[in-house]
């Protein structure tokens, strides 16, 4: 399937009213899911504020 036809976050603007799960918010808040030692923002990892802000923007 062509990239521009796929239902993903990059094409979300083409699908008003459809929500998309955001991995960046999850990983920024709790840590990278594939690394059990990664802390994330809620457990005190520094420098995560900008990642969470960017991932939280509504476009």
C-alpha atoms as a PDB file:
ATOM      1  CA  UNK A   1       0.000   0.000   0.000  1.00  0.00           C
ATOM      2  CA  UNK A   2       1.236   3.468  -0.803  1.00  0.00           C
ATOM      3  CA  UNK A   3       2.527   5.492   2.190  1.00  0.00           C
ATOM      4  CA  UNK A   4       0.018   8.283   1.639  1.00  0.00           C
ATOM      5  CA  UNK A   5      -2.908   5.825   1.913  1.00  0.00           C
ATOM      6  CA  UNK A   6      -1.873   4.195   5.195  1.00  0.00           C
ATOM      7  CA  UNK A   7      -3.817   4.958   8.381  1.00  0.00           C
ATOM      8  CA  UNK A   8      -1.003   6.172  10.632  1.00  0.00           C
ATOM      9  CA  UNK A   9      -0.020   9.225  12.661  1.00  0.00           C
ATOM     10  CA  UNK A  10       1.636  10.936   9.704  1.00  0.00           C
ATOM     11  CA  UNK A  11      -1.648  10.773   7.783  1.00  0.00           C
ATOM     12  CA  UNK A  12      -3.883  11.545  10.770  1.00  0.00           C
ATOM     13  CA  UNK A  13      -4.850  14.921   9.297  1.00  0.00           C
ATOM     14  CA  UNK A  14      -6.621  13.025   6.506  1.00  0.00           C
ATOM     15  CA  UNK A  15      -8.842  11.227   9.046  1.00  0.00           C
ATOM     16  CA  UNK A  16     -10.695  13.806  11.150  1.00  0.00           C
ATOM     17  CA  UNK A  17     -12.426  12.262  14.137  1.00  0.00           C
ATOM     18  CA  UNK A  18     -10.126   9.223  14.245  1.00  0.00           C
ATOM     19  CA  UNK A  19      -7.781   8.939  17.244  1.00  0.00           C
ATOM     20  CA  UNK A  20      -4.277   7.476  17.049  1.00  0.00           C
ATOM     21  CA  UNK A  21      -2.284   5.901  19.869  1.00  0.00           C
ATOM     22  CA  UNK A  22       0.936   7.798  20.489  1.00  0.00           C
ATOM     23  CA  UNK A  23       3.975   5.669  21.408  1.00  0.00           C
ATOM     24  CA  UNK A  24       6.074   8.782  22.070  1.00  0.00           C
ATOM     25  CA  UNK A  25       3.784   9.905  24.901  1.00  0.00           C
ATOM     26  CA  UNK A  26       3.787   6.445  26.494  1.00  0.00           C
ATOM     27  CA  UNK A  27       7.552   6.052  26.218  1.00  0.00           C
ATOM     28  CA  UNK A  28       8.196   9.618  27.378  1.00  0.00           C
ATOM     29  CA  UNK A  29       6.024   9.186  30.445  1.00  0.00           C
ATOM     30  CA  UNK A  30       6.913   5.672  31.596  1.00  0.00           C
ATOM     31  CA  UNK A  31      10.069   4.824  29.650  1.00  0.00           C
ATOM     32  CA  UNK A  32      10.774   2.888  26.472  1.00  0.00           C
ATOM     33  CA  UNK A  33       8.647  -0.262  26.495  1.00  0.00           C
ATOM     34  CA  UNK A  34      11.479  -2.438  25.118  1.00  0.00           C
ATOM     35  CA  UNK A  35      13.889  -1.415  27.910  1.00  0.00           C
ATOM     36  CA  UNK A  36      12.760  -2.366  31.411  1.00  0.00           C
ATOM     37  CA  UNK A  37      15.422  -0.078  32.935  1.00  0.00           C
ATOM     38  CA  UNK A  38      14.333   3.105  31.120  1.00  0.00           C
ATOM     39  CA  UNK A  39      12.562   5.330  33.650  1.00  0.00           C
ATOM     40  CA  UNK A  40      10.590   7.943  31.755  1.00  0.00           C
ATOM     41  CA  UNK A  41       9.307  11.256  33.099  1.00  0.00           C
ATOM     42  CA  UNK A  42       7.084   9.895  35.890  1.00  0.00           C
ATOM     43  CA  UNK A  43      10.034   8.087  37.437  1.00  0.00           C
ATOM     44  CA  UNK A  44      12.393  11.050  37.288  1.00  0.00           C
ATOM     45  CA  UNK A  45      14.198  10.747  33.940  1.00  0.00           C
ATOM     46  CA  UNK A  46      15.515  14.237  33.153  1.00  0.00           C
ATOM     47  CA  UNK A  47      14.924  15.989  29.843  1.00  0.00           C
ATOM     48  CA  UNK A  48      11.627  14.322  28.916  1.00  0.00           C
ATOM     49  CA  UNK A  49       9.490  17.469  29.116  1.00  0.00           C
ATOM     50  CA  UNK A  50      10.045  18.558  25.518  1.00  0.00           C
ATOM     51  CA  UNK A  51       9.359  15.062  24.151  1.00  0.00           C
ATOM     52  CA  UNK A  52       6.038  14.928  26.007  1.00  0.00           C
ATOM     53  CA  UNK A  53       5.098  18.469  24.925  1.00  0.00           C
ATOM     54  CA  UNK A  54       5.838  17.728  21.275  1.00  0.00           C
ATOM     55  CA  UNK A  55       3.959  14.404  21.355  1.00  0.00           C
ATOM     56  CA  UNK A  56       0.963  16.072  23.028  1.00  0.00           C
ATOM     57  CA  UNK A  57       0.408  18.734  20.365  1.00  0.00           C
ATOM     58  CA  UNK A  58      -2.949  18.569  18.666  1.00  0.00           C
ATOM     59  CA  UNK A  59      -2.605  19.180  14.968  1.00  0.00           C
END
